[in-house]
Amino acid sequence: MTTSTAPSWLKSVAWAALVWNLLGVIAFIMQLLMTPEMISKLPADQQAAYSNTPLWATLAFAVAVFGGTLGCIFLLLKKAVARTCFTLSLIAILIQQFYNFIIINSIELLGASAVFMPLLVIIIAILLLHLSHRGKLQHWLN
């Protein structure tokens, strides 16, 4: 399969998306590095949420951010495997948000402002998956 010329904006979008996903990686690492002392300074209900986070929710967070980051790297390299990475990332994001919104009720825990960032994360993940799918169909990615 031959690769057709990708649009000029693709590289800029991929770089911006990589930065976005690296911010997610930083957030994940910061969550992992929270010490008991740091957690103890949070309100009691947030302390409980941090202290009782199940392994599957943490793994979903990891797959979400590292999958998105790898997807961006593959997008920059014009590799079709970016679509698989973005698919896994989106699935993991949805699992993570199920935990946040359904199991711990993050809106009650943090207020309505807790909705904006997760929705933005989901929208960007869907757009990146769509972009990688389109790139595959248009032969921008091989």
N, C-alpha and C. Protein backbone atom coordinates (compact mmCIF):
# COMPACT_ATOMS: atom_id res chain seq x y z
N MET A 1 0.85 -1.18 0.00
CA MET A 1 0.00 0.00 0.00
C MET A 1 0.89 1.24 0.00
N THR A 2 0.56 2.18 -0.84
CA THR A 2 1.33 3.42 -0.90
C THR A 2 0.70 4.46 0.00
N THR A 3 1.54 5.32 0.50
CA THR A 3 1.06 6.40 1.35
C THR A 3 0.85 7.63 0.49
N SER A 4 -0.36 8.21 0.57
CA SER A 4 -0.60 9.45 -0.17
C SER A 4 -0.12 10.61 0.70
N THR A 5 0.02 11.74 0.09
CA THR A 5 0.50 12.92 0.81
C THR A 5 -0.51 13.34 1.87
N ALA A 6 -0.05 13.39 3.08
CA ALA A 6 -0.91 13.82 4.19
C ALA A 6 -1.09 15.33 4.12
N PRO A 7 -2.21 15.82 4.62
CA PRO A 7 -2.41 17.27 4.63
C PRO A 7 -1.36 17.96 5.50
N SER A 8 -1.06 19.19 5.17
CA SER A 8 0.00 19.91 5.88
C SER A 8 -0.31 20.12 7.36
N TRP A 9 -1.58 20.18 7.72
CA TRP A 9 -1.98 20.42 9.11
C TRP A 9 -1.84 19.20 10.01
N LEU A 10 -1.69 18.01 9.41
CA LEU A 10 -1.67 16.78 10.21
C LEU A 10 -0.53 16.77 11.24
N LYS A 11 0.63 17.20 10.82
CA LYS A 11 1.79 17.18 11.73
C LYS A 11 1.56 18.12 12.92
N SER A 12 1.02 19.29 12.67
CA SER A 12 0.75 20.24 13.76
C SER A 12 -0.28 19.69 14.73
N VAL A 13 -1.32 19.09 14.20
CA VAL A 13 -2.35 18.49 15.05
C VAL A 13 -1.76 17.35 15.88
N ALA A 14 -0.94 16.53 15.25
CA ALA A 14 -0.33 15.40 15.96
C ALA A 14 0.60 15.89 17.08
N TRP A 15 1.36 16.94 16.83
CA TRP A 15 2.24 17.49 17.88
C TRP A 15 1.43 18.07 19.03
N ALA A 16 0.38 18.81 18.70
CA ALA A 16 -0.48 19.37 19.75
C ALA A 16 -1.13 18.26 20.57
N ALA A 17 -1.59 17.22 19.88
CA ALA A 17 -2.21 16.09 20.58
C ALA A 17 -1.19 15.35 21.44
N LEU A 18 0.05 15.28 20.98
CA LEU A 18 1.09 14.64 21.78
C LEU A 18 1.32 15.41 23.07
N VAL A 19 1.40 16.72 22.98
CA VAL A 19 1.56 17.55 24.19
C VAL A 19 0.38 17.32 25.14
N TRP A 20 -0.84 17.33 24.59
CA TRP A 20 -2.05 17.09 25.39
C TRP A 20 -1.95 15.75 26.12
N ASN A 21 -1.55 14.70 25.40
CA ASN A 21 -1.47 13.38 26.01
C ASN A 21 -0.32 13.28 27.01
N LEU A 22 0.76 13.99 26.76
CA LEU A 22 1.86 14.00 27.74
C LEU A 22 1.41 14.68 29.04
N LEU A 23 0.54 15.68 28.93
CA LEU A 23 -0.04 16.28 30.14
C LEU A 23 -0.85 15.23 30.91
N GLY A 24 -1.52 14.35 30.18
CA GLY A 24 -2.23 13.24 30.83
C GLY A 24 -1.29 12.28 31.52
N VAL A 25 -0.16 12.01 30.89
CA VAL A 25 0.86 11.14 31.50
C VAL A 25 1.36 11.78 32.80
N ILE A 26 1.60 13.09 32.76
CA ILE A 26 2.05 13.79 33.97
C ILE A 26 1.00 13.70 35.07
N ALA A 27 -0.27 13.88 34.71
CA ALA A 27 -1.34 13.77 35.70
C ALA A 27 -1.38 12.36 36.30
N PHE A 28 -1.19 11.35 35.47
CA PHE A 28 -1.18 9.97 35.95
C PHE A 28 -0.03 9.75 36.93
N ILE A 29 1.16 10.21 36.55
CA ILE A 29 2.34 10.04 37.42
C ILE A 29 2.14 10.80 38.74
N MET A 30 1.58 12.00 38.66
CA MET A 30 1.33 12.78 39.89
C MET A 30 0.35 12.04 40.80
N GLN A 31 -0.66 11.41 40.21
CA GLN A 31 -1.60 10.64 41.03
C GLN A 31 -0.90 9.46 41.70
N LEU A 32 -0.03 8.78 40.96
CA LEU A 32 0.69 7.65 41.52
C LEU A 32 1.64 8.08 42.65
N LEU A 33 2.17 9.28 42.53
CA LEU A 33 3.16 9.76 43.50
C LEU A 33 2.54 10.46 44.72
N MET A 34 1.21 10.51 44.76
CA MET A 34 0.59 11.14 45.93
C MET A 34 0.90 10.33 47.19
N THR A 35 1.50 10.99 48.14
CA THR A 35 1.86 10.33 49.39
C THR A 35 0.66 10.34 50.34
N PRO A 36 0.69 9.49 51.35
CA PRO A 36 -0.38 9.51 52.35
C PRO A 36 -0.52 10.89 53.00
N GLU A 37 0.58 11.60 53.16
CA GLU A 37 0.53 12.95 53.74
C GLU A 37 -0.24 13.90 52.83
N MET A 38 0.01 13.80 51.53
CA MET A 38 -0.70 14.66 50.57
C MET A 38 -2.19 14.32 50.56
N ILE A 39 -2.50 13.05 50.58
CA ILE A 39 -3.90 12.61 50.59
C ILE A 39 -4.60 13.08 51.86
N SER A 40 -3.89 13.07 52.97
CA SER A 40 -4.51 13.45 54.25
C SER A 40 -4.92 14.92 54.30
N LYS A 41 -4.40 15.72 53.39
CA LYS A 41 -4.75 17.15 53.35
C LYS A 41 -6.03 17.41 52.55
N LEU A 42 -6.52 16.39 51.88
CA LEU A 42 -7.74 16.52 51.09
C LEU A 42 -8.96 16.39 52.00
N PRO A 43 -10.14 16.86 51.53
CA PRO A 43 -11.37 16.61 52.29
C PRO A 43 -11.59 15.11 52.46
N ALA A 44 -12.28 14.72 53.51
CA ALA A 44 -12.44 13.31 53.87
C ALA A 44 -12.99 12.46 52.73
N ASP A 45 -14.00 12.96 52.01
CA ASP A 45 -14.58 12.15 50.93
C ASP A 45 -13.59 11.95 49.78
N GLN A 46 -12.75 12.96 49.50
CA GLN A 46 -11.72 12.81 48.47
C GLN A 46 -10.61 11.88 48.94
N GLN A 47 -10.29 11.92 50.24
CA GLN A 47 -9.31 10.99 50.79
C GLN A 47 -9.76 9.55 50.56
N ALA A 48 -11.03 9.30 50.83
CA ALA A 48 -11.57 7.95 50.65
C ALA A 48 -11.50 7.53 49.19
N ALA A 49 -11.82 8.45 48.28
CA ALA A 49 -11.79 8.13 46.85
C ALA A 49 -10.36 7.77 46.40
N TYR A 50 -9.39 8.56 46.83
CA TYR A 50 -8.00 8.26 46.46
C TYR A 50 -7.50 6.97 47.09
N SER A 51 -7.83 6.76 48.34
CA SER A 51 -7.32 5.61 49.08
C SER A 51 -7.96 4.30 48.62
N ASN A 52 -9.15 4.38 48.05
CA ASN A 52 -9.88 3.15 47.68
C ASN A 52 -10.00 2.94 46.18
N THR A 53 -9.18 3.61 45.41
CA THR A 53 -9.24 3.45 43.96
C THR A 53 -8.82 2.03 43.60
N PRO A 54 -9.69 1.29 42.91
CA PRO A 54 -9.34 -0.09 42.54
C PRO A 54 -8.25 -0.13 41.47
N LEU A 55 -7.54 -1.22 41.43
CA LEU A 55 -6.45 -1.38 40.47
C LEU A 55 -6.95 -1.22 39.03
N TRP A 56 -8.13 -1.73 38.73
CA TRP A 56 -8.63 -1.66 37.36
C TRP A 56 -8.84 -0.21 36.91
N ALA A 57 -9.23 0.67 37.82
CA ALA A 57 -9.41 2.08 37.47
C ALA A 57 -8.06 2.75 37.21
N THR A 58 -7.07 2.40 38.01
CA THR A 58 -5.72 2.93 37.80
C THR A 58 -5.14 2.42 36.48
N LEU A 59 -5.37 1.14 36.19
CA LEU A 59 -4.89 0.57 34.92
C LEU A 59 -5.59 1.23 33.73
N ALA A 60 -6.88 1.52 33.88
CA ALA A 60 -7.61 2.21 32.81
C ALA A 60 -6.99 3.58 32.56
N PHE A 61 -6.67 4.29 33.62
CA PHE A 61 -6.02 5.61 33.51
C PHE A 61 -4.70 5.46 32.76
N ALA A 62 -3.91 4.44 33.12
CA ALA A 62 -2.61 4.22 32.47
C ALA A 62 -2.78 3.92 30.98
N VAL A 63 -3.69 3.02 30.64
CA VAL A 63 -3.91 2.67 29.24
C VAL A 63 -4.41 3.89 28.46
N ALA A 64 -5.26 4.68 29.10
CA ALA A 64 -5.81 5.88 28.45
C ALA A 64 -4.69 6.84 28.05
N VAL A 65 -3.83 7.19 29.01
CA VAL A 65 -2.82 8.22 28.72
C VAL A 65 -1.65 7.69 27.90
N PHE A 66 -1.20 6.46 28.19
CA PHE A 66 -0.07 5.93 27.43
C PHE A 66 -0.51 5.48 26.04
N GLY A 67 -1.74 4.98 25.92
CA GLY A 67 -2.28 4.63 24.60
C GLY A 67 -2.42 5.85 23.73
N GLY A 68 -2.94 6.94 24.29
CA GLY A 68 -3.06 8.18 23.54
C GLY A 68 -1.72 8.75 23.13
N THR A 69 -0.75 8.67 24.04
CA THR A 69 0.59 9.17 23.74
C THR A 69 1.23 8.36 22.62
N LEU A 70 1.13 7.04 22.71
CA LEU A 70 1.68 6.19 21.64
C LEU A 70 0.95 6.44 20.33
N GLY A 71 -0.36 6.62 20.39
CA GLY A 71 -1.12 6.92 19.18
C GLY A 71 -0.60 8.17 18.51
N CYS A 72 -0.30 9.20 19.28
CA CYS A 72 0.23 10.45 18.73
C CYS A 72 1.60 10.25 18.10
N ILE A 73 2.43 9.46 18.77
CA ILE A 73 3.76 9.18 18.21
C ILE A 73 3.62 8.45 16.89
N PHE A 74 2.73 7.44 16.84
CA PHE A 74 2.52 6.72 15.59
C PHE A 74 1.88 7.61 14.52
N LEU A 75 1.05 8.53 14.93
CA LEU A 75 0.46 9.48 13.98
C LEU A 75 1.57 10.34 13.36
N LEU A 76 2.50 10.80 14.20
CA LEU A 76 3.64 11.58 13.69
C LEU A 76 4.50 10.75 12.74
N LEU A 77 4.60 9.45 13.02
CA LEU A 77 5.39 8.56 12.16
C LEU A 77 4.59 8.05 10.96
N LYS A 78 3.32 8.48 10.88
CA LYS A 78 2.40 8.09 9.81
C LYS A 78 2.19 6.58 9.75
N LYS A 79 2.01 5.99 10.93
CA LYS A 79 1.77 4.56 11.04
C LYS A 79 0.32 4.29 11.40
N ALA A 80 -0.28 3.35 10.70
CA ALA A 80 -1.70 3.04 10.89
C ALA A 80 -2.01 2.45 12.26
N VAL A 81 -1.01 1.94 12.95
CA VAL A 81 -1.23 1.39 14.29
C VAL A 81 -1.71 2.47 15.27
N ALA A 82 -1.59 3.73 14.86
CA ALA A 82 -2.11 4.83 15.68
C ALA A 82 -3.59 4.62 15.96
N ARG A 83 -4.33 4.11 14.98
CA ARG A 83 -5.77 3.89 15.15
C ARG A 83 -6.04 2.88 16.27
N THR A 84 -5.25 1.82 16.34
CA THR A 84 -5.41 0.82 17.40
C THR A 84 -5.11 1.45 18.76
N CYS A 85 -4.06 2.24 18.83
CA CYS A 85 -3.71 2.91 20.09
C CYS A 85 -4.81 3.85 20.54
N PHE A 86 -5.35 4.63 19.61
CA PHE A 86 -6.42 5.57 19.96
C PHE A 86 -7.71 4.83 20.35
N THR A 87 -7.96 3.69 19.73
CA THR A 87 -9.13 2.89 20.09
C THR A 87 -9.00 2.39 21.53
N LEU A 88 -7.84 1.82 21.85
CA LEU A 88 -7.62 1.33 23.22
C LEU A 88 -7.69 2.47 24.23
N SER A 89 -7.12 3.61 23.86
CA SER A 89 -7.14 4.77 24.75
C SER A 89 -8.57 5.22 25.03
N LEU A 90 -9.39 5.31 23.98
CA LEU A 90 -10.78 5.74 24.17
C LEU A 90 -11.56 4.76 25.03
N ILE A 91 -11.38 3.47 24.79
CA ILE A 91 -12.06 2.47 25.62
C ILE A 91 -11.65 2.64 27.08
N ALA A 92 -10.35 2.82 27.32
CA ALA A 92 -9.85 2.99 28.69
C ALA A 92 -10.39 4.28 29.31
N ILE A 93 -10.50 5.34 28.53
CA ILE A 93 -11.06 6.59 29.04
C ILE A 93 -12.50 6.38 29.48
N LEU A 94 -13.27 5.67 28.67
CA LEU A 94 -14.67 5.41 29.02
C LEU A 94 -14.79 4.56 30.28
N ILE A 95 -13.90 3.59 30.44
CA ILE A 95 -13.88 2.79 31.67
C ILE A 95 -13.52 3.66 32.86
N GLN A 96 -12.51 4.49 32.70
CA GLN A 96 -12.09 5.40 33.77
C GLN A 96 -13.22 6.35 34.15
N GLN A 97 -13.91 6.89 33.17
CA GLN A 97 -14.99 7.82 33.47
C GLN A 97 -16.21 7.11 34.07
N PHE A 98 -16.41 5.85 33.72
CA PHE A 98 -17.45 5.06 34.38
C PHE A 98 -17.15 5.01 35.88
N TYR A 99 -15.90 4.74 36.21
CA TYR A 99 -15.50 4.71 37.62
C TYR A 99 -15.73 6.09 38.25
N ASN A 100 -15.26 7.14 37.58
CA ASN A 100 -15.35 8.48 38.15
C ASN A 100 -16.79 8.97 38.33
N PHE A 101 -17.63 8.74 37.34
CA PHE A 101 -18.98 9.31 37.39
C PHE A 101 -20.01 8.38 38.02
N ILE A 102 -19.87 7.08 37.83
CA ILE A 102 -20.88 6.15 38.32
C ILE A 102 -20.50 5.59 39.69
N ILE A 103 -19.29 5.15 39.83
CA ILE A 103 -18.91 4.47 41.07
C ILE A 103 -18.62 5.46 42.20
N ILE A 104 -17.77 6.47 41.94
CA ILE A 104 -17.47 7.41 43.04
C ILE A 104 -18.25 8.70 42.95
N ASN A 105 -19.04 8.89 41.89
CA ASN A 105 -19.86 10.08 41.71
C ASN A 105 -19.03 11.35 41.88
N SER A 106 -18.11 11.55 40.94
CA SER A 106 -17.19 12.68 41.03
C SER A 106 -17.90 14.03 40.99
N ILE A 107 -19.09 14.10 40.44
CA ILE A 107 -19.83 15.37 40.43
C ILE A 107 -20.21 15.75 41.86
N GLU A 108 -20.69 14.76 42.61
CA GLU A 108 -21.02 15.02 44.02
C GLU A 108 -19.77 15.30 44.82
N LEU A 109 -18.70 14.60 44.49
CA LEU A 109 -17.44 14.72 45.22
C LEU A 109 -16.73 16.05 44.95
N LEU A 110 -16.72 16.48 43.68
CA LEU A 110 -15.93 17.66 43.29
C LEU A 110 -16.77 18.81 42.74
N GLY A 111 -18.05 18.58 42.51
CA GLY A 111 -18.90 19.62 41.96
C GLY A 111 -19.03 19.51 40.45
N ALA A 112 -19.90 20.33 39.90
CA ALA A 112 -20.19 20.30 38.46
C ALA A 112 -18.97 20.60 37.61
N SER A 113 -18.01 21.33 38.15
CA SER A 113 -16.81 21.64 37.39
C SER A 113 -16.01 20.38 37.04
N ALA A 114 -16.29 19.28 37.73
CA ALA A 114 -15.60 18.03 37.46
C ALA A 114 -16.05 17.39 36.15
N VAL A 115 -17.04 17.97 35.50
CA VAL A 115 -17.56 17.42 34.25
C VAL A 115 -16.77 17.92 33.04
N PHE A 116 -16.32 19.15 33.07
CA PHE A 116 -15.70 19.78 31.90
C PHE A 116 -14.48 19.00 31.39
N MET A 117 -13.51 18.76 32.25
CA MET A 117 -12.28 18.12 31.80
C MET A 117 -12.52 16.70 31.28
N PRO A 118 -13.28 15.86 31.98
CA PRO A 118 -13.53 14.53 31.42
C PRO A 118 -14.24 14.57 30.06
N LEU A 119 -15.18 15.49 29.91
CA LEU A 119 -15.85 15.60 28.60
C LEU A 119 -14.88 16.04 27.52
N LEU A 120 -14.00 16.97 27.85
CA LEU A 120 -12.98 17.41 26.90
C LEU A 120 -12.06 16.25 26.52
N VAL A 121 -11.67 15.46 27.50
CA VAL A 121 -10.81 14.30 27.25
C VAL A 121 -11.50 13.33 26.29
N ILE A 122 -12.78 13.05 26.53
CA ILE A 122 -13.53 12.13 25.67
C ILE A 122 -13.65 12.68 24.25
N ILE A 123 -13.97 13.95 24.13
CA ILE A 123 -14.13 14.57 22.81
C ILE A 123 -12.81 14.53 22.03
N ILE A 124 -11.72 14.87 22.68
CA ILE A 124 -10.42 14.85 22.00
C ILE A 124 -10.05 13.42 21.60
N ALA A 125 -10.33 12.46 22.47
CA ALA A 125 -10.03 11.06 22.14
C ALA A 125 -10.83 10.59 20.93
N ILE A 126 -12.09 10.97 20.87
CA ILE A 126 -12.93 10.60 19.72
C ILE A 126 -12.39 11.26 18.45
N LEU A 127 -12.01 12.52 18.54
CA LEU A 127 -11.47 13.22 17.37
C LEU A 127 -10.16 12.60 16.89
N LEU A 128 -9.30 12.20 17.83
CA LEU A 128 -8.04 11.57 17.43
C LEU A 128 -8.28 10.21 16.79
N LEU A 129 -9.24 9.46 17.33
CA LEU A 129 -9.58 8.17 16.72
C LEU A 129 -10.12 8.40 15.31
N HIS A 130 -11.00 9.37 15.17
CA HIS A 130 -11.56 9.69 13.86
C HIS A 130 -10.45 10.11 12.88
N LEU A 131 -9.54 10.94 13.35
CA LEU A 131 -8.44 11.40 12.50
C LEU A 131 -7.58 10.21 12.05
N SER A 132 -7.26 9.31 12.96
CA SER A 132 -6.43 8.16 12.59
C SER A 132 -7.18 7.23 11.64
N HIS A 133 -8.49 7.10 11.83
CA HIS A 133 -9.30 6.27 10.93
C HIS A 133 -9.32 6.89 9.53
N ARG A 134 -9.55 8.19 9.50
CA ARG A 134 -9.55 8.90 8.22
C ARG A 134 -8.17 8.81 7.56
N GLY A 135 -7.11 8.95 8.37
CA GLY A 135 -5.75 8.83 7.83
C GLY A 135 -5.49 7.47 7.21
N LYS A 136 -6.03 6.44 7.84
CA LYS A 136 -5.89 5.09 7.28
C LYS A 136 -6.66 4.98 5.96
N LEU A 137 -7.89 5.46 5.94
CA LEU A 137 -8.71 5.39 4.72
C LEU A 137 -8.12 6.22 3.58
N GLN A 138 -7.54 7.36 3.91
CA GLN A 138 -6.96 8.25 2.90
C GLN A 138 -5.52 7.87 2.54
N HIS A 139 -5.01 6.83 3.19
CA HIS A 139 -3.63 6.34 2.95
C HIS A 139 -2.57 7.34 3.37
N TRP A 140 -2.90 8.18 4.38
CA TRP A 140 -1.88 9.04 4.97
C TRP A 140 -1.01 8.23 5.90
N LEU A 141 -1.59 7.16 6.42
CA LEU A 141 -0.91 6.28 7.37
C LEU A 141 -0.73 4.92 6.72
N ASN A 142 0.41 4.29 6.99
CA ASN A 142 0.63 2.96 6.42
C ASN A 142 0.97 1.96 7.50
